[in-house]
Amino acid sequence: MAKTNTIKSILGFFKAVLQRRLPFLSQDSSLEAIYNYVPIKDLYATSGQPNERQFDLIKQAGFTTVINLAPTSVLENSVVEEAAILERLGMEYVHIPVDFKNPTDEDFAQFVGVLNERDGQQVWVHCAANMRVSAFTYRYREQILQHDPGTARLDLEKIWEPFGVWVDFIKNQQAH
């Protein structure tokens, strides 16, 4: 199932790229329509890259902060003006650009710090496809919050089955 979700996430990423370039394809009238949306109960919501219109939906849903783990580039399907869009909406923007080929413990420590500073606030966390975010969320829930590993793993596998450096990144949490 997780491998199937990995393929769906990768294909969905390309669909999201097309929808950003061809807005008439987009159906974004709810949070659930945001690419790879996964709410993490009592914590925050996660997704792939929201488009400009979807940030307004996120604001209307009561979210006050958006954390972006993707680098800003065309390859990441990023919204170049994301910080300015969120500022206009009166939302806080935090950017932690995580290299997909090299996620680091420093990236994770910064992520944990940002979340800890916003405890009790409604936070939306995204990257290009919710692959980085789901791995960071899994590790955060396991290492910091000490959540049930099975439940945290199910949420991770809704998006993908980590491979390569991401397997090591997730396992690294056991060393702490």
C-alpha atoms as a PDB file:
ATOM      1  CA  MET A   1       0.000   0.000   0.000  1.00  0.00           C
ATOM      2  CA  ALA A   2       2.791   2.459   0.906  1.00  0.00           C
ATOM      3  CA  LYS A   3       4.546   1.862  -2.436  1.00  0.00           C
ATOM      4  CA  THR A   4       1.271   2.561  -4.230  1.00  0.00           C
ATOM      5  CA  ASN A   5       0.935   5.806  -2.267  1.00  0.00           C
ATOM      6  CA  THR A   6       4.499   6.759  -3.207  1.00  0.00           C
ATOM      7  CA  ILE A   7       3.631   6.394  -6.889  1.00  0.00           C
ATOM      8  CA  LYS A   8       0.372   8.313  -6.386  1.00  0.00           C
ATOM      9  CA  SER A   9       2.276  11.118  -4.627  1.00  0.00           C
ATOM     10  CA  ILE A  10       4.814  11.401  -7.425  1.00  0.00           C
ATOM     11  CA  LEU A  11       2.138  11.367 -10.144  1.00  0.00           C
ATOM     12  CA  GLY A  12       0.016  13.764  -8.101  1.00  0.00           C
ATOM     13  CA  PHE A  13       2.953  16.148  -7.884  1.00  0.00           C
ATOM     14  CA  PHE A  14       3.057  16.375 -11.676  1.00  0.00           C
ATOM     15  CA  LYS A  15      -0.715  16.881 -11.755  1.00  0.00           C
ATOM     16  CA  ALA A  16      -0.344  19.721  -9.235  1.00  0.00           C
ATOM     17  CA  VAL A  17       2.330  21.324 -11.429  1.00  0.00           C
ATOM     18  CA  LEU A  18      -0.090  21.246 -14.370  1.00  0.00           C
ATOM     19  CA  GLN A  19      -2.929  22.664 -12.279  1.00  0.00           C
ATOM     20  CA  ARG A  20      -0.750  25.598 -11.206  1.00  0.00           C
ATOM     21  CA  ARG A  21       0.040  26.364 -14.831  1.00  0.00           C
ATOM     22  CA  LEU A  22      -3.471  25.646 -16.103  1.00  0.00           C
ATOM     23  CA  PRO A  23      -5.749  27.036 -13.351  1.00  0.00           C
ATOM     24  CA  PHE A  24      -8.937  25.896 -15.088  1.00  0.00           C
ATOM     25  CA  LEU A  25      -7.974  22.313 -14.115  1.00  0.00           C
ATOM     26  CA  SER A  26      -7.895  23.199 -10.434  1.00  0.00           C
ATOM     27  CA  GLN A  27     -10.683  22.203  -8.073  1.00  0.00           C
ATOM     28  CA  ASP A  28      -9.680  23.897  -4.846  1.00  0.00           C
ATOM     29  CA  SER A  29     -12.862  24.809  -2.998  1.00  0.00           C
ATOM     30  CA  SER A  30     -11.936  22.943   0.202  1.00  0.00           C
ATOM     31  CA  LEU A  31      -8.906  22.059   2.288  1.00  0.00           C
ATOM     32  CA  GLU A  32      -9.357  18.430   1.285  1.00  0.00           C
ATOM     33  CA  ALA A  33      -8.736  19.418  -2.341  1.00  0.00           C
ATOM     34  CA  ILE A  34      -5.223  20.631  -1.507  1.00  0.00           C
ATOM     35  CA  TYR A  35      -2.678  18.193  -2.922  1.00  0.00           C
ATOM     36  CA  ASN A  36      -1.794  15.391  -0.464  1.00  0.00           C
ATOM     37  CA  TYR A  37      -3.683  17.033   2.420  1.00  0.00           C
ATOM     38  CA  VAL A  38      -3.327  15.117   5.693  1.00  0.00           C
ATOM     39  CA  PRO A  39      -4.598  16.559   8.971  1.00  0.00           C
ATOM     40  CA  ILE A  40      -2.587  15.377  11.971  1.00  0.00           C
ATOM     41  CA  LYS A  41      -5.069  15.283  14.828  1.00  0.00           C
ATOM     42  CA  ASP A  42      -4.412  17.821  17.578  1.00  0.00           C
ATOM     43  CA  LEU A  43      -1.190  19.020  15.912  1.00  0.00           C
ATOM     44  CA  TYR A  44      -1.418  20.649  12.505  1.00  0.00           C
ATOM     45  CA  ALA A  45      -2.322  20.034   8.884  1.00  0.00           C
ATOM     46  CA  THR A  46       0.099  18.951   6.175  1.00  0.00           C
ATOM     47  CA  SER A  47       0.044  18.999   2.390  1.00  0.00           C
ATOM     48  CA  GLY A  48       1.926  19.378  -0.828  1.00  0.00           C
ATOM     49  CA  GLN A  49       2.314  22.881  -2.262  1.00  0.00           C
ATOM     50  CA  PRO A  50      -0.902  24.904  -1.962  1.00  0.00           C
ATOM     51  CA  ASN A  51      -1.625  27.354  -4.760  1.00  0.00           C
ATOM     52  CA  GLU A  52      -2.366  31.048  -4.268  1.00  0.00           C
ATOM     53  CA  ARG A  53      -6.148  30.535  -3.916  1.00  0.00           C
ATOM     54  CA  GLN A  54      -5.699  27.684  -1.464  1.00  0.00           C
ATOM     55  CA  PHE A  55      -3.730  29.870   0.938  1.00  0.00           C
ATOM     56  CA  ASP A  56      -6.910  31.903   1.366  1.00  0.00           C
ATOM     57  CA  LEU A  57      -8.797  28.695   2.250  1.00  0.00           C
ATOM     58  CA  ILE A  58      -6.091  27.868   4.795  1.00  0.00           C
ATOM     59  CA  LYS A  59      -6.495  31.330   6.355  1.00  0.00           C
ATOM     60  CA  GLN A  60     -10.306  30.993   6.414  1.00  0.00           C
ATOM     61  CA  ALA A  61      -9.932  27.658   8.241  1.00  0.00           C
ATOM     62  CA  GLY A  62      -8.170  29.468  11.092  1.00  0.00           C
ATOM     63  CA  PHE A  63      -4.534  28.647  10.409  1.00  0.00           C
ATOM     64  CA  THR A  64      -2.165  31.406  11.523  1.00  0.00           C
ATOM     65  CA  THR A  65       1.234  30.058  10.431  1.00  0.00           C
ATOM     66  CA  VAL A  66       2.492  28.293   7.308  1.00  0.00           C
ATOM     67  CA  ILE A  67       5.756  26.362   7.421  1.00  0.00           C
ATOM     68  CA  ASN A  68       7.315  25.482   4.053  1.00  0.00           C
ATOM     69  CA  LEU A  69       9.968  22.751   3.950  1.00  0.00           C
ATOM     70  CA  ALA A  70      10.580  22.918   0.179  1.00  0.00           C
ATOM     71  CA  PRO A  71      13.292  25.001  -1.472  1.00  0.00           C
ATOM     72  CA  THR A  72      11.962  27.756  -3.691  1.00  0.00           C
ATOM     73  CA  SER A  73      12.430  26.595  -7.266  1.00  0.00           C
ATOM     74  CA  VAL A  74      10.528  25.656 -10.393  1.00  0.00           C
ATOM     75  CA  LEU A  75      11.444  22.003  -9.795  1.00  0.00           C
ATOM     76  CA  GLU A  76       9.657  22.160  -6.453  1.00  0.00           C
ATOM     77  CA  ASN A  77       6.464  23.635  -7.952  1.00  0.00           C
ATOM     78  CA  SER A  78       6.889  26.487  -5.491  1.00  0.00           C
ATOM     79  CA  VAL A  79       4.851  29.647  -5.238  1.00  0.00           C
ATOM     80  CA  VAL A  80       7.635  32.208  -5.613  1.00  0.00           C
ATOM     81  CA  GLU A  81       5.624  34.958  -3.896  1.00  0.00           C
ATOM     82  CA  GLU A  82       4.442  32.717  -1.044  1.00  0.00           C
ATOM     83  CA  ALA A  83       5.852  34.930   1.737  1.00  0.00           C
ATOM     84  CA  ALA A  84       4.196  38.047   0.269  1.00  0.00           C
ATOM     85  CA  ILE A  85       0.862  36.247  -0.258  1.00  0.00           C
ATOM     86  CA  LEU A  86       0.804  35.059   3.345  1.00  0.00           C
ATOM     87  CA  GLU A  87       1.829  38.483   4.630  1.00  0.00           C
ATOM     88  CA  ARG A  88      -1.115  40.046   2.747  1.00  0.00           C
ATOM     89  CA  LEU A  89      -3.376  37.456   4.392  1.00  0.00           C
ATOM     90  CA  GLY A  90      -1.984  38.352   7.826  1.00  0.00           C
ATOM     91  CA  MET A  91      -0.347  34.956   8.294  1.00  0.00           C
ATOM     92  CA  GLU A  92       3.134  34.099   9.495  1.00  0.00           C
ATOM     93  CA  TYR A  93       5.460  32.375   7.014  1.00  0.00           C
ATOM     94  CA  VAL A  94       8.396  30.206   8.073  1.00  0.00           C
ATOM     95  CA  HIS A  95      10.668  28.768   5.396  1.00  0.00           C
ATOM     96  CA  ILE A  96      12.997  25.865   6.200  1.00  0.00           C
ATOM     97  CA  PRO A  97      14.336  24.792   2.784  1.00  0.00           C
ATOM     98  CA  VAL A  98      15.127  21.078   3.075  1.00  0.00           C
ATOM     99  CA  ASP A  99      17.201  19.502   0.311  1.00  0.00           C
ATOM    100  CA  PHE A 100      15.264  16.366  -0.706  1.00  0.00           C
ATOM    101  CA  LYS A 101      18.566  14.576  -1.332  1.00  0.00           C
ATOM    102  CA  ASN A 102      20.040  15.605   2.029  1.00  0.00           C
ATOM    103  CA  PRO A 103      17.645  16.186   4.950  1.00  0.00           C
ATOM    104  CA  THR A 104      19.683  17.002   8.053  1.00  0.00           C
ATOM    105  CA  ASP A 105      19.344  16.830  11.808  1.00  0.00           C
ATOM    106  CA  GLU A 106      19.806  20.616  11.785  1.00  0.00           C
ATOM    107  CA  ASP A 107      16.748  20.952   9.517  1.00  0.00           C
ATOM    108  CA  PHE A 108      14.807  18.749  11.926  1.00  0.00           C
ATOM    109  CA  ALA A 109      15.961  20.720  14.982  1.00  0.00           C
ATOM    110  CA  GLN A 110      14.835  23.957  13.324  1.00  0.00           C
ATOM    111  CA  PHE A 111      11.457  22.363  12.496  1.00  0.00           C
ATOM    112  CA  VAL A 112      11.001  21.218  16.110  1.00  0.00           C
ATOM    113  CA  GLY A 113      11.925  24.673  17.397  1.00  0.00           C
ATOM    114  CA  VAL A 114       9.425  26.406  15.121  1.00  0.00           C
ATOM    115  CA  LEU A 115       6.633  24.030  16.164  1.00  0.00           C
ATOM    116  CA  ASN A 116       7.468  24.337  19.853  1.00  0.00           C
ATOM    117  CA  GLU A 117       7.317  28.142  19.611  1.00  0.00           C
ATOM    118  CA  ARG A 118       3.814  27.866  18.125  1.00  0.00           C
ATOM    119  CA  ASP A 119       2.374  25.311  20.519  1.00  0.00           C
ATOM    120  CA  GLY A 120      -1.411  25.655  20.593  1.00  0.00           C
ATOM    121  CA  GLN A 121      -1.567  27.615  17.325  1.00  0.00           C
ATOM    122  CA  GLN A 122      -3.078  26.326  14.102  1.00  0.00           C
ATOM    123  CA  VAL A 123      -0.107  25.579  11.845  1.00  0.00           C
ATOM    124  CA  TRP A 124      -0.095  24.383   8.223  1.00  0.00           C
ATOM    125  CA  VAL A 125       3.077  22.563   7.133  1.00  0.00           C
ATOM    126  CA  HIS A 126       3.795  21.872   3.465  1.00  0.00           C
ATOM    127  CA  CYS A 127       6.489  21.038   0.971  1.00  0.00           C
ATOM    128  CA  ALA A 128       6.269  20.201  -2.720  1.00  0.00           C
ATOM    129  CA  ALA A 129       4.471  16.844  -2.353  1.00  0.00           C
ATOM    130  CA  ASN A 130       4.118  16.296   1.437  1.00  0.00           C
ATOM    131  CA  MET A 131       6.937  13.761   1.284  1.00  0.00           C
ATOM    132  CA  ARG A 132       9.458  15.831   3.283  1.00  0.00           C
ATOM    133  CA  VAL A 133       6.735  16.971   5.650  1.00  0.00           C
ATOM    134  CA  SER A 134       5.340  13.496   6.281  1.00  0.00           C
ATOM    135  CA  ALA A 135       8.848  12.236   7.160  1.00  0.00           C
ATOM    136  CA  PHE A 136       9.503  15.211   9.453  1.00  0.00           C
ATOM    137  CA  THR A 137       6.076  14.747  11.034  1.00  0.00           C
ATOM    138  CA  TYR A 138       6.690  11.051  11.593  1.00  0.00           C
ATOM    139  CA  ARG A 139      10.006  11.748  13.276  1.00  0.00           C
ATOM    140  CA  TYR A 140       8.529  14.618  15.341  1.00  0.00           C
ATOM    141  CA  ARG A 141       5.689  12.440  16.580  1.00  0.00           C
ATOM    142  CA  GLU A 142       8.020   9.544  17.423  1.00  0.00           C
ATOM    143  CA  GLN A 143      10.977  11.409  18.897  1.00  0.00           C
ATOM    144  CA  ILE A 144       9.448  14.496  20.457  1.00  0.00           C
ATOM    145  CA  LEU A 145       5.829  13.626  21.225  1.00  0.00           C
ATOM    146  CA  GLN A 146       6.371   9.881  21.797  1.00  0.00           C
ATOM    147  CA  HIS A 147       3.207   8.994  19.864  1.00  0.00           C
ATOM    148  CA  ASP A 148       2.289   5.417  19.014  1.00  0.00           C
ATOM    149  CA  PRO A 149       4.666   4.358  16.215  1.00  0.00           C
ATOM    150  CA  GLY A 150       1.938   2.472  14.344  1.00  0.00           C
ATOM    151  CA  THR A 151      -0.394   5.461  14.136  1.00  0.00           C
ATOM    152  CA  ALA A 152       2.410   7.805  13.086  1.00  0.00           C
ATOM    153  CA  ARG A 153       3.563   5.295  10.462  1.00  0.00           C
ATOM    154  CA  LEU A 154       0.044   5.033   8.979  1.00  0.00           C
ATOM    155  CA  ASP A 155      -0.042   8.796   8.431  1.00  0.00           C
ATOM    156  CA  LEU A 156       3.416   8.679   6.814  1.00  0.00           C
ATOM    157  CA  GLU A 157       2.361   5.862   4.509  1.00  0.00           C
ATOM    158  CA  LYS A 158      -0.720   7.792   3.358  1.00  0.00           C
ATOM    159  CA  ILE A 159       1.816   9.768   1.336  1.00  0.00           C
ATOM    160  CA  TRP A 160       4.740   7.454   0.591  1.00  0.00           C
ATOM    161  CA  GLU A 161       7.183   4.807   1.659  1.00  0.00           C
ATOM    162  CA  PRO A 162      10.441   6.640   2.305  1.00  0.00           C
ATOM    163  CA  PHE A 163      13.501   5.478   0.381  1.00  0.00           C
ATOM    164  CA  GLY A 164      17.184   6.349   0.185  1.00  0.00           C
ATOM    165  CA  VAL A 165      18.368   9.077   2.558  1.00  0.00           C
ATOM    166  CA  TRP A 166      14.860   9.343   3.992  1.00  0.00           C
ATOM    167  CA  VAL A 167      15.046   5.877   5.531  1.00  0.00           C
ATOM    168  CA  ASP A 168      18.189   6.956   7.394  1.00  0.00           C
ATOM    169  CA  PHE A 169      16.627  10.312   8.323  1.00  0.00           C
ATOM    170  CA  ILE A 170      13.634   8.599   9.916  1.00  0.00           C
ATOM    171  CA  LYS A 171      15.709   5.904  11.636  1.00  0.00           C
ATOM    172  CA  ASN A 172      17.983   8.574  13.051  1.00  0.00           C
ATOM    173  CA  GLN A 173      15.221   9.435  15.489  1.00  0.00           C
ATOM    174  CA  GLN A 174      15.877   6.160  17.283  1.00  0.00           C
ATOM    175  CA  ALA A 175      19.403   7.285  18.080  1.00  0.00           C
ATOM    176  CA  HIS A 176      18.176  10.237  20.170  1.00  0.00           C
END
